[in-house]
């Protein structure tokens, strides 16, 4: 049996680190001003706070 660590995009783990360590990241959908944005693509983690 294989086991993989998976988290969501609100964890703040950088994509480069996750790729290097084989950590799966599930994207969270963000709704901002009636726009449906993919958090990892449209928003910087720091800007979202």
C-alpha atoms as a PDB file:
ATOM      1  CA  UNK A   1       0.000   0.000   0.000  1.00  0.00           C
ATOM      2  CA  UNK A   2       1.281   3.469  -0.903  1.00  0.00           C
ATOM      3  CA  UNK A   3       0.704   6.485   1.329  1.00  0.00           C
ATOM      4  CA  UNK A   4       0.964  10.119   0.193  1.00  0.00           C
ATOM      5  CA  UNK A   5       0.762  13.344   2.160  1.00  0.00           C
ATOM      6  CA  UNK A   6      -1.920  15.667   0.803  1.00  0.00           C
ATOM      7  CA  UNK A   7      -2.936  19.138   1.962  1.00  0.00           C
ATOM      8  CA  UNK A   8      -4.994  22.016   0.613  1.00  0.00           C
ATOM      9  CA  UNK A   9      -3.657  25.208  -0.908  1.00  0.00           C
ATOM     10  CA  UNK A  10      -4.387  27.246   2.235  1.00  0.00           C
ATOM     11  CA  UNK A  11      -1.524  25.458   4.027  1.00  0.00           C
ATOM     12  CA  UNK A  12       0.975  27.931   2.574  1.00  0.00           C
ATOM     13  CA  UNK A  13       3.392  25.216   1.454  1.00  0.00           C
ATOM     14  CA  UNK A  14       5.315  26.525  -1.564  1.00  0.00           C
ATOM     15  CA  UNK A  15       4.637  24.571  -4.751  1.00  0.00           C
ATOM     16  CA  UNK A  16       8.360  23.988  -5.318  1.00  0.00           C
ATOM     17  CA  UNK A  17       8.732  22.385  -1.868  1.00  0.00           C
ATOM     18  CA  UNK A  18       5.616  20.269  -2.318  1.00  0.00           C
ATOM     19  CA  UNK A  19       6.871  18.996  -5.661  1.00  0.00           C
ATOM     20  CA  UNK A  20      10.320  18.214  -4.242  1.00  0.00           C
ATOM     21  CA  UNK A  21       8.845  16.348  -1.253  1.00  0.00           C
ATOM     22  CA  UNK A  22       6.061  14.665  -3.268  1.00  0.00           C
ATOM     23  CA  UNK A  23       3.263  16.392  -1.309  1.00  0.00           C
ATOM     24  CA  UNK A  24      -0.090  16.680  -3.064  1.00  0.00           C
ATOM     25  CA  UNK A  25      -1.831  20.052  -2.929  1.00  0.00           C
ATOM     26  CA  UNK A  26      -5.562  20.351  -3.563  1.00  0.00           C
ATOM     27  CA  UNK A  27      -6.567  23.755  -4.883  1.00  0.00           C
ATOM     28  CA  UNK A  28      -9.113  25.742  -2.904  1.00  0.00           C
ATOM     29  CA  UNK A  29     -11.640  27.783  -4.833  1.00  0.00           C
ATOM     30  CA  UNK A  30     -11.851  31.416  -3.837  1.00  0.00           C
ATOM     31  CA  UNK A  31     -14.797  33.674  -4.619  1.00  0.00           C
ATOM     32  CA  UNK A  32     -13.856  37.362  -4.653  1.00  0.00           C
ATOM     33  CA  UNK A  33     -16.152  40.121  -5.906  1.00  0.00           C
ATOM     34  CA  UNK A  34     -18.316  37.567  -7.737  1.00  0.00           C
ATOM     35  CA  UNK A  35     -15.260  36.082  -9.469  1.00  0.00           C
ATOM     36  CA  UNK A  36     -14.316  32.431  -9.159  1.00  0.00           C
ATOM     37  CA  UNK A  37     -10.537  32.343  -8.784  1.00  0.00           C
ATOM     38  CA  UNK A  38      -8.139  29.453  -8.408  1.00  0.00           C
ATOM     39  CA  UNK A  39      -6.165  30.410  -5.330  1.00  0.00           C
ATOM     40  CA  UNK A  40      -2.781  29.059  -6.430  1.00  0.00           C
ATOM     41  CA  UNK A  41      -2.895  30.758  -9.802  1.00  0.00           C
ATOM     42  CA  UNK A  42      -4.726  34.045  -9.263  1.00  0.00           C
ATOM     43  CA  UNK A  43      -3.682  35.045  -5.741  1.00  0.00           C
ATOM     44  CA  UNK A  44      -0.337  35.224  -4.003  1.00  0.00           C
ATOM     45  CA  UNK A  45      -0.510  33.546  -0.564  1.00  0.00           C
ATOM     46  CA  UNK A  46       0.606  36.710   1.246  1.00  0.00           C
ATOM     47  CA  UNK A  47      -1.811  38.945  -0.706  1.00  0.00           C
ATOM     48  CA  UNK A  48      -4.756  36.774   0.330  1.00  0.00           C
ATOM     49  CA  UNK A  49      -4.348  37.938   3.927  1.00  0.00           C
END
